């Protein structure tokens, strides 16, 4: 069952509903329009076979920061994301993810997230979002219809593609 929120939707709202983030000790430090900062300590349960943080946990932290940042613009979902790992994280490290909006066009957005251990870059993440519901009007849009693509002349830009 999909729940529709009637309260204002922002990064703190989506974080409060994120059981996976809470289960893994992720903390929301700051949320602002188009931006968010989160923190996570790497635990022994997060180590992979090499004894370093499993990339999935680093991705989880970055993706959660992305979700908080893009949901400050309306009810948003990920249209895609990728990550580049620059350095390993170790058990006991405290990682901070800083998400920043790069551009919005129509209902689409591009966000960059840096995952840091102190000043050292651990990973760089780029997420692409799609607003699916306007919190002011409650209007829901079906992004699955027509593969997420719309005809020329819609609000998505000059080529009319999502």
Protein backbone atom coordinates (compact mmCIF):
# COMPACT_ATOMS: atom_id res chain seq x y z
CA UNK A 1 0.00 0.00 0.00
CA UNK A 2 1.40 3.41 -0.97
CA UNK A 3 1.06 6.06 1.68
CA UNK A 4 0.63 9.65 0.61
CA UNK A 5 1.92 12.31 2.96
CA UNK A 6 -0.17 15.35 3.66
CA UNK A 7 2.54 17.15 5.63
CA UNK A 8 5.26 19.10 3.81
CA UNK A 9 7.72 16.73 2.19
CA UNK A 10 11.42 17.38 2.62
CA UNK A 11 14.70 15.63 3.32
CA UNK A 12 13.87 15.15 6.99
CA UNK A 13 10.52 13.55 6.13
CA UNK A 14 12.01 10.95 3.81
CA UNK A 15 14.83 10.22 6.26
CA UNK A 16 12.41 9.68 9.15
CA UNK A 17 10.65 7.00 7.08
CA UNK A 18 13.90 5.25 6.01
CA UNK A 19 14.13 2.06 8.11
CA UNK A 20 17.23 0.81 6.25
CA UNK A 21 19.18 3.97 7.08
CA UNK A 22 18.22 3.84 10.75
CA UNK A 23 19.00 0.10 10.95
CA UNK A 24 22.55 0.81 9.80
CA UNK A 25 23.14 3.74 12.12
CA UNK A 26 22.99 6.49 9.49
CA UNK A 27 22.38 9.91 11.00
CA UNK A 28 20.97 12.99 9.28
CA UNK A 29 23.18 15.95 10.21
CA UNK A 30 21.69 18.61 7.96
CA UNK A 31 18.95 18.96 5.34
CA UNK A 32 18.37 22.02 3.18
CA UNK A 33 16.67 22.60 -0.18
CA UNK A 34 18.65 20.52 -2.67
CA UNK A 35 21.27 19.42 -0.13
CA UNK A 36 21.86 17.04 2.76
CA UNK A 37 24.69 15.83 5.00
CA UNK A 38 24.61 12.40 6.66
CA UNK A 39 27.01 10.33 8.77
CA UNK A 40 27.60 6.61 9.25
CA UNK A 41 30.14 4.67 11.32
CA UNK A 42 31.51 1.56 9.59
CA UNK A 43 30.88 -1.46 11.82
CA UNK A 44 32.38 -4.97 11.72
CA UNK A 45 29.10 -6.25 10.24
CA UNK A 46 29.70 -3.98 7.22
CA UNK A 47 33.07 -5.53 6.31
CA UNK A 48 33.43 -7.55 3.13
CA UNK A 49 35.75 -10.49 2.44
CA UNK A 50 38.74 -8.14 2.17
CA UNK A 51 38.12 -6.72 5.64
CA UNK A 52 37.08 -3.30 4.32
CA UNK A 53 33.65 -1.70 4.12
CA UNK A 54 31.42 -3.44 1.61
CA UNK A 55 30.72 -1.08 -1.27
CA UNK A 56 26.99 -1.61 -0.82
CA UNK A 57 27.11 0.16 2.54
CA UNK A 58 29.02 3.10 1.09
CA UNK A 59 26.42 3.22 -1.68
CA UNK A 60 23.63 3.06 0.92
CA UNK A 61 25.04 6.10 2.72
CA UNK A 62 25.45 8.09 -0.52
CA UNK A 63 22.03 7.04 -1.83
CA UNK A 64 20.37 8.09 1.43
CA UNK A 65 22.00 11.53 1.23
CA UNK A 66 20.81 11.78 -2.39
CA UNK A 67 17.27 10.83 -1.33
CA UNK A 68 17.21 13.50 1.37
CA UNK A 69 18.47 16.17 -1.05
CA UNK A 70 16.18 15.37 -3.98
CA UNK A 71 13.09 14.88 -1.83
CA UNK A 72 13.41 18.47 -0.66
CA UNK A 73 11.93 19.35 -4.08
CA UNK A 74 8.86 17.10 -3.93
CA UNK A 75 8.24 13.38 -3.70
CA UNK A 76 11.12 12.03 -5.76
CA UNK A 77 12.45 8.66 -6.80
CA UNK A 78 15.79 7.66 -8.27
CA UNK A 79 15.90 7.41 -12.04
CA UNK A 80 19.47 6.12 -11.86
CA UNK A 81 22.72 6.39 -9.96
CA UNK A 82 26.35 5.43 -10.19
CA UNK A 83 29.29 5.49 -7.82
CA UNK A 84 33.05 5.60 -8.13
CA UNK A 85 35.04 4.22 -5.21
CA UNK A 86 38.24 6.20 -4.63
CA UNK A 87 39.57 4.66 -1.39
CA UNK A 88 38.61 1.86 0.98
CA UNK A 89 36.73 2.55 4.19
CA UNK A 90 37.70 0.52 7.24
CA UNK A 91 35.87 -0.78 10.30
CA UNK A 92 35.73 2.09 12.79
CA UNK A 93 35.80 4.84 10.14
CA UNK A 94 33.16 7.54 10.37
CA UNK A 95 31.97 8.49 6.90
CA UNK A 96 30.15 11.68 5.98
CA UNK A 97 28.09 12.01 2.80
CA UNK A 98 27.40 15.49 1.42
CA UNK A 99 24.74 15.70 -1.30
CA UNK A 100 24.34 18.76 -3.52
CA UNK A 101 21.91 19.51 -6.29
CA UNK A 102 23.66 20.23 -9.60
CA UNK A 103 20.72 20.96 -11.89
CA UNK A 104 16.94 20.61 -12.09
CA UNK A 105 14.95 20.60 -15.30
CA UNK A 106 11.24 19.93 -15.35
CA UNK A 107 10.67 17.15 -12.83
CA UNK A 108 14.24 15.83 -13.20
CA UNK A 109 17.31 16.53 -11.11
CA UNK A 110 20.99 15.65 -10.97
CA UNK A 111 22.73 15.39 -7.60
CA UNK A 112 26.34 14.76 -6.64
CA UNK A 113 27.30 13.14 -3.34
CA UNK A 114 30.81 13.04 -1.91
CA UNK A 115 31.49 10.37 0.72
CA UNK A 116 34.35 11.47 2.95
CA UNK A 117 36.49 10.17 5.80
CA UNK A 118 37.65 13.47 7.24
CA UNK A 119 38.97 15.35 4.20
CA UNK A 120 39.69 12.16 2.18
CA UNK A 121 37.28 11.25 -0.59
CA UNK A 122 36.11 7.65 -0.26
CA UNK A 123 33.57 7.73 -3.10
CA UNK A 124 31.78 10.03 -5.55
CA UNK A 125 28.14 9.28 -6.36
CA UNK A 126 25.89 10.85 -9.00
CA UNK A 127 22.15 10.38 -8.74
CA UNK A 128 19.38 11.27 -11.16
CA UNK A 129 15.96 11.94 -9.69
CA UNK A 130 12.40 12.28 -10.89
CA UNK A 131 9.66 14.15 -9.02
CA UNK A 132 6.59 11.89 -8.94
CA UNK A 133 4.31 13.95 -6.72
CA UNK A 134 4.10 17.66 -6.09
CA UNK A 135 3.73 18.14 -2.32
CA UNK A 136 1.92 21.46 -2.75
CA UNK A 137 -0.85 20.08 -4.94
CA UNK A 138 -0.71 16.37 -4.10
CA UNK A 139 -0.70 15.65 -7.83
CA UNK A 140 0.71 12.22 -8.60
CA UNK A 141 2.31 11.45 -11.93
CA UNK A 142 2.79 7.97 -13.32
CA UNK A 143 6.44 7.76 -14.32
CA UNK A 144 6.12 4.15 -15.41
CA UNK A 145 3.69 5.00 -18.22
CA UNK A 146 5.41 5.28 -21.58
CA UNK A 147 8.76 4.27 -20.08
CA UNK A 148 9.04 7.60 -18.28
CA UNK A 149 9.29 9.45 -21.60
CA UNK A 150 6.84 12.08 -22.77
CA UNK A 151 6.09 13.73 -26.06
CA UNK A 152 7.66 16.96 -27.31
CA UNK A 153 6.48 20.14 -25.66
CA UNK A 154 6.14 18.87 -22.09
CA UNK A 155 7.81 20.46 -19.08
CA UNK A 156 10.92 18.29 -19.26
CA UNK A 157 12.91 20.46 -21.61
CA UNK A 158 13.29 21.39 -25.25
CA UNK A 159 13.41 17.81 -26.51
CA UNK A 160 10.55 16.70 -24.30
CA UNK A 161 12.45 13.70 -22.93
CA UNK A 162 12.55 12.70 -19.28
